[in-house]
């Protein structure tokens, strides 16, 4: 689901909670950029935990352009990908 610079891969896990994996791709050249992107995504997940479906394993694949977007654009991109959820 989603479109670059943020994509979701999901599968059912049969558990009463959702788990998340944050995967910066190889366009992140340094650990600083990778960690920044993961921090941003963790905050978005925490902020919108009430609307996230339970019972899924989610991998969020991010490109370096995600961290360069404005805060509002990142949130819109995150929520638009969430609307495509099965």
C-alpha atoms as a PDB file:
ATOM      1  CA  UNK A   1       0.000   0.000   0.000  1.00  0.00           C
ATOM      2  CA  UNK A   2       1.031   3.600  -0.318  1.00  0.00           C
ATOM      3  CA  UNK A   3       3.326   5.324  -2.732  1.00  0.00           C
ATOM      4  CA  UNK A   4       6.929   6.492  -2.498  1.00  0.00           C
ATOM      5  CA  UNK A   5       8.446   7.700  -0.234  1.00  0.00           C
ATOM      6  CA  UNK A   6       6.283   5.564   2.147  1.00  0.00           C
ATOM      7  CA  UNK A   7       5.025   2.040   1.514  1.00  0.00           C
ATOM      8  CA  UNK A   8       3.272  -0.437   3.813  1.00  0.00           C
ATOM      9  CA  UNK A   9       3.564  -4.204   3.707  1.00  0.00           C
ATOM     10  CA  UNK A  10       1.016  -5.963   5.910  1.00  0.00           C
ATOM     11  CA  UNK A  11       0.013  -9.484   6.841  1.00  0.00           C
ATOM     12  CA  UNK A  12      -2.337 -10.910   9.430  1.00  0.00           C
ATOM     13  CA  UNK A  13      -0.728 -12.163  12.619  1.00  0.00           C
ATOM     14  CA  UNK A  14      -3.802 -13.417  14.491  1.00  0.00           C
ATOM     15  CA  UNK A  15      -2.833 -11.547  17.661  1.00  0.00           C
ATOM     16  CA  UNK A  16      -4.852  -8.909  19.549  1.00  0.00           C
ATOM     17  CA  UNK A  17      -2.289  -6.198  18.720  1.00  0.00           C
ATOM     18  CA  UNK A  18      -0.385  -4.815  15.746  1.00  0.00           C
ATOM     19  CA  UNK A  19       3.379  -4.907  15.428  1.00  0.00           C
ATOM     20  CA  UNK A  20       5.498  -2.549  13.347  1.00  0.00           C
ATOM     21  CA  UNK A  21       8.823  -2.739  11.566  1.00  0.00           C
ATOM     22  CA  UNK A  22      10.427   0.466  10.280  1.00  0.00           C
ATOM     23  CA  UNK A  23      12.678  -0.104   7.255  1.00  0.00           C
ATOM     24  CA  UNK A  24      14.642   2.775   5.759  1.00  0.00           C
ATOM     25  CA  UNK A  25      15.924   1.808   2.313  1.00  0.00           C
ATOM     26  CA  UNK A  26      19.409   2.142   0.857  1.00  0.00           C
ATOM     27  CA  UNK A  27      18.862   5.757  -0.176  1.00  0.00           C
ATOM     28  CA  UNK A  28      19.609   6.646   3.464  1.00  0.00           C
ATOM     29  CA  UNK A  29      23.369   7.014   3.274  1.00  0.00           C
ATOM     30  CA  UNK A  30      24.104   7.504   6.977  1.00  0.00           C
ATOM     31  CA  UNK A  31      22.817   6.155  10.270  1.00  0.00           C
ATOM     32  CA  UNK A  32      21.735   9.671  11.208  1.00  0.00           C
ATOM     33  CA  UNK A  33      19.294   9.790   8.280  1.00  0.00           C
ATOM     34  CA  UNK A  34      18.018   6.251   8.930  1.00  0.00           C
ATOM     35  CA  UNK A  35      17.414   6.948  12.611  1.00  0.00           C
ATOM     36  CA  UNK A  36      15.679  10.261  11.895  1.00  0.00           C
ATOM     37  CA  UNK A  37      13.274   8.591   9.489  1.00  0.00           C
ATOM     38  CA  UNK A  38      12.514   5.835  12.010  1.00  0.00           C
ATOM     39  CA  UNK A  39      11.925   8.395  14.801  1.00  0.00           C
ATOM     40  CA  UNK A  40       9.477  10.296  12.619  1.00  0.00           C
ATOM     41  CA  UNK A  41       7.544   7.124  11.762  1.00  0.00           C
ATOM     42  CA  UNK A  42       7.431   5.909  15.374  1.00  0.00           C
ATOM     43  CA  UNK A  43       5.917   9.243  16.379  1.00  0.00           C
ATOM     44  CA  UNK A  44       3.273   9.012  13.632  1.00  0.00           C
ATOM     45  CA  UNK A  45       2.357   5.488  14.751  1.00  0.00           C
ATOM     46  CA  UNK A  46       2.085   6.629  18.387  1.00  0.00           C
ATOM     47  CA  UNK A  47      -0.031   9.615  17.428  1.00  0.00           C
ATOM     48  CA  UNK A  48      -2.490   7.571  15.344  1.00  0.00           C
ATOM     49  CA  UNK A  49      -2.533   4.345  17.351  1.00  0.00           C
ATOM     50  CA  UNK A  50      -6.297   4.600  17.887  1.00  0.00           C
ATOM     51  CA  UNK A  51      -7.049   4.312  14.151  1.00  0.00           C
ATOM     52  CA  UNK A  52      -4.525   1.561  13.399  1.00  0.00           C
ATOM     53  CA  UNK A  53      -6.117  -1.867  12.907  1.00  0.00           C
ATOM     54  CA  UNK A  54      -5.089  -4.678  15.272  1.00  0.00           C
ATOM     55  CA  UNK A  55      -4.061  -8.181  14.291  1.00  0.00           C
ATOM     56  CA  UNK A  56      -1.499  -7.238  11.642  1.00  0.00           C
ATOM     57  CA  UNK A  57       2.258  -7.194  11.202  1.00  0.00           C
ATOM     58  CA  UNK A  58       3.175  -3.980   9.393  1.00  0.00           C
ATOM     59  CA  UNK A  59       6.448  -3.130   7.679  1.00  0.00           C
ATOM     60  CA  UNK A  60       6.810   0.529   6.761  1.00  0.00           C
ATOM     61  CA  UNK A  61       9.327   1.024   3.966  1.00  0.00           C
ATOM     62  CA  UNK A  62      10.644   4.552   3.737  1.00  0.00           C
ATOM     63  CA  UNK A  63      12.875   6.426   1.337  1.00  0.00           C
ATOM     64  CA  UNK A  64      15.106   9.336   2.266  1.00  0.00           C
ATOM     65  CA  UNK A  65      12.642  11.831   0.770  1.00  0.00           C
ATOM     66  CA  UNK A  66      10.155  11.070   3.555  1.00  0.00           C
ATOM     67  CA  UNK A  67      12.219  12.851   6.212  1.00  0.00           C
ATOM     68  CA  UNK A  68      12.625  15.870   3.915  1.00  0.00           C
ATOM     69  CA  UNK A  69       8.858  16.449   3.647  1.00  0.00           C
ATOM     70  CA  UNK A  70       7.131  18.937   5.910  1.00  0.00           C
ATOM     71  CA  UNK A  71       5.457  17.612   9.040  1.00  0.00           C
ATOM     72  CA  UNK A  72       1.977  18.117   7.569  1.00  0.00           C
ATOM     73  CA  UNK A  73       2.872  16.397   4.292  1.00  0.00           C
ATOM     74  CA  UNK A  74       4.294  13.389   6.158  1.00  0.00           C
ATOM     75  CA  UNK A  75       1.120  13.052   8.185  1.00  0.00           C
ATOM     76  CA  UNK A  76      -1.090  13.319   5.081  1.00  0.00           C
ATOM     77  CA  UNK A  77       1.017  10.682   3.318  1.00  0.00           C
ATOM     78  CA  UNK A  78       0.850   8.370   6.355  1.00  0.00           C
ATOM     79  CA  UNK A  79      -2.923   8.717   6.698  1.00  0.00           C
ATOM     80  CA  UNK A  80      -3.561   8.285   2.966  1.00  0.00           C
ATOM     81  CA  UNK A  81      -1.608   5.016   3.033  1.00  0.00           C
ATOM     82  CA  UNK A  82      -3.569   3.964   6.114  1.00  0.00           C
ATOM     83  CA  UNK A  83      -6.850   4.500   4.250  1.00  0.00           C
ATOM     84  CA  UNK A  84      -5.761   1.857   1.730  1.00  0.00           C
ATOM     85  CA  UNK A  85      -5.522  -0.722   4.524  1.00  0.00           C
ATOM     86  CA  UNK A  86      -7.447  -3.935   3.806  1.00  0.00           C
END
